[in-house]
Protein backbone atom coordinates (compact mmCIF):
# COMPACT_ATOMS: atom_id res chain seq x y z
CA MET A 1 109.80 81.33 93.00
CA SER A 2 106.62 81.33 95.39
CA VAL A 3 104.16 83.93 95.81
CA LEU A 4 102.30 85.10 98.90
CA ILE A 5 99.21 87.05 98.14
CA VAL A 6 97.65 88.74 101.29
CA ASP A 7 94.28 90.10 101.07
CA GLY A 8 94.83 93.24 102.73
CA ALA A 9 91.29 94.14 103.74
CA ASN A 10 90.66 90.77 105.45
CA ALA A 11 93.81 90.56 107.09
CA VAL A 12 93.53 94.22 108.45
CA GLY A 13 90.30 93.28 109.52
CA SER A 14 91.05 90.21 111.65
CA VAL A 15 92.48 92.43 114.75
CA PRO A 16 89.84 95.04 116.34
CA ASP A 17 92.83 97.71 116.78
CA GLY A 18 90.82 100.53 115.21
CA TRP A 19 91.84 100.00 112.13
CA TRP A 20 88.31 101.48 110.72
CA ARG A 21 89.51 104.85 111.76
CA ASP A 22 92.22 104.73 109.64
CA ARG A 23 92.28 102.11 106.52
CA ARG A 24 95.35 103.49 105.02
CA GLY A 25 97.38 103.49 108.13
CA ALA A 26 96.52 100.17 109.22
CA ALA A 27 97.12 98.84 105.73
CA GLU A 28 100.69 100.57 105.90
CA ARG A 29 101.02 98.82 109.54
CA LEU A 30 100.31 95.58 107.83
CA ARG A 31 102.71 96.30 105.03
CA ASP A 32 105.38 97.17 107.59
CA LEU A 33 104.67 93.76 109.75
CA LEU A 34 104.97 91.61 106.08
CA ALA A 35 108.40 93.53 105.52
CA ARG A 36 109.56 92.63 108.93
CA ARG A 37 108.91 88.74 108.47
CA ALA A 38 111.80 88.51 106.31
CA PRO A 39 110.64 86.66 103.06
CA SER A 40 113.27 84.58 101.62
CA ALA A 41 114.95 85.86 98.35
CA ASP A 42 112.85 83.32 96.16
CA GLU A 43 109.50 84.80 97.69
CA GLU A 44 107.39 87.47 96.45
CA VAL A 45 104.85 89.18 98.75
CA ILE A 46 101.89 91.13 97.48
CA LEU A 47 99.67 93.15 99.50
CA VAL A 48 96.46 93.78 97.79
CA VAL A 49 94.75 96.80 98.94
CA GLU A 50 91.28 98.54 97.92
CA GLY A 51 89.41 101.45 98.74
CA ALA A 52 90.28 103.85 101.54
CA ALA A 53 93.85 101.80 101.73
CA LYS A 54 94.78 102.94 98.31
CA GLY A 55 97.80 104.98 98.27
CA VAL A 56 99.67 102.54 100.30
CA GLU A 57 103.19 102.56 98.74
CA SER A 58 105.49 99.31 98.11
CA VAL A 59 108.71 98.84 100.48
CA PRO A 60 111.25 96.35 99.85
CA GLY A 61 110.12 93.04 100.28
CA VAL A 62 106.56 93.68 99.76
CA ARG A 63 104.56 95.00 96.60
CA VAL A 64 101.74 96.79 97.18
CA ASP A 65 98.95 96.12 94.53
CA ALA A 66 95.71 98.79 94.42
CA ALA A 67 92.88 96.93 93.24
CA PRO A 68 91.32 98.93 90.56
CA GLY A 69 87.71 97.64 91.86
CA SER A 70 87.13 94.67 94.05
CA GLY A 71 89.95 93.39 96.06
CA ASP A 72 88.90 89.67 95.78
CA ASP A 73 88.91 89.75 91.95
CA ARG A 74 92.36 91.38 91.70
CA ILE A 75 93.34 88.61 94.12
CA VAL A 76 91.83 86.00 92.00
CA GLU A 77 93.56 87.72 88.95
CA LEU A 78 96.88 87.49 90.69
CA ALA A 79 96.20 83.64 91.28
CA ALA A 80 95.45 83.13 87.80
CA ALA A 81 98.36 84.63 86.82
CA TYR A 82 100.62 82.59 89.16
CA GLU A 83 98.78 79.38 88.10
CA GLY A 84 101.36 76.42 88.26
CA ARG A 85 103.63 77.94 90.59
CA ASP A 86 103.64 77.93 94.59
CA CYS A 87 101.32 80.61 95.48
CA VAL A 88 99.72 81.12 98.55
CA VAL A 89 96.51 83.57 99.39
CA VAL A 90 96.28 84.79 103.02
CA THR A 91 92.44 85.56 103.89
CA SER A 92 89.69 83.94 105.90
CA ASP A 93 87.04 84.84 103.04
CA ARG A 94 85.40 81.11 102.11
CA GLU A 95 84.31 82.46 98.87
CA LEU A 96 87.76 84.07 97.95
CA ARG A 97 89.49 81.05 99.00
CA ALA A 98 87.36 78.78 96.86
CA ARG A 99 88.03 81.06 93.56
CA VAL A 100 91.86 80.97 94.31
CA ARG A 101 91.83 77.34 94.72
CA ALA A 102 90.24 76.61 91.15
CA TYR A 103 93.68 77.93 90.15
CA GLY A 104 95.75 75.87 92.52
CA ALA A 105 96.63 78.42 95.05
CA GLN A 106 96.92 77.18 98.79
CA CYS A 107 94.78 79.12 101.32
CA VAL A 108 95.88 80.14 105.10
CA GLY A 109 94.21 82.66 107.48
CA PRO A 110 95.59 85.99 108.77
CA ARG A 111 97.08 84.27 111.89
CA ALA A 112 99.72 83.07 109.66
CA VAL A 113 101.38 86.64 108.82
CA ARG A 114 99.28 88.51 112.04
CA PRO A 115 99.86 86.91 115.35
CA GLY A 116 96.90 87.75 117.54
CA SER A 117 94.14 87.74 114.61
C-alpha cells in the first residue's frame, strides 16, 4: 500500500484564493479535492492540518490528521511510520522535504494535487 501525505497548510497556501480568511474552510476544500482525485484502493491519503484548520473531519478516501503541535513534525512522524513503503509527501517546504527524505519519502509540490498552485 502506498501513502500520500499532504502538508495541508502548505498546499492551501499555494493558491491565493482568500484561504487566510477561512483556514478551516480552505482545508475542507482541499480535502474534498483530494477525495475527488480518486485514490486507488491501494493508496492511503492523509491530509495533515494544524492550527485554525483543526476540526476538519475525514471523508471516504482522505484521512485528516490534526497535528497536536507542528504540522511539519507530524508529517515527519508519519513519514517515519511509513519508512520502507511507497510514501510521497506533498509540500514545497524545503526543510520539510529534507526531513522526510531521511525516511525514504519522495516529495512533490502542491501542483501535483492542486492544479494552478
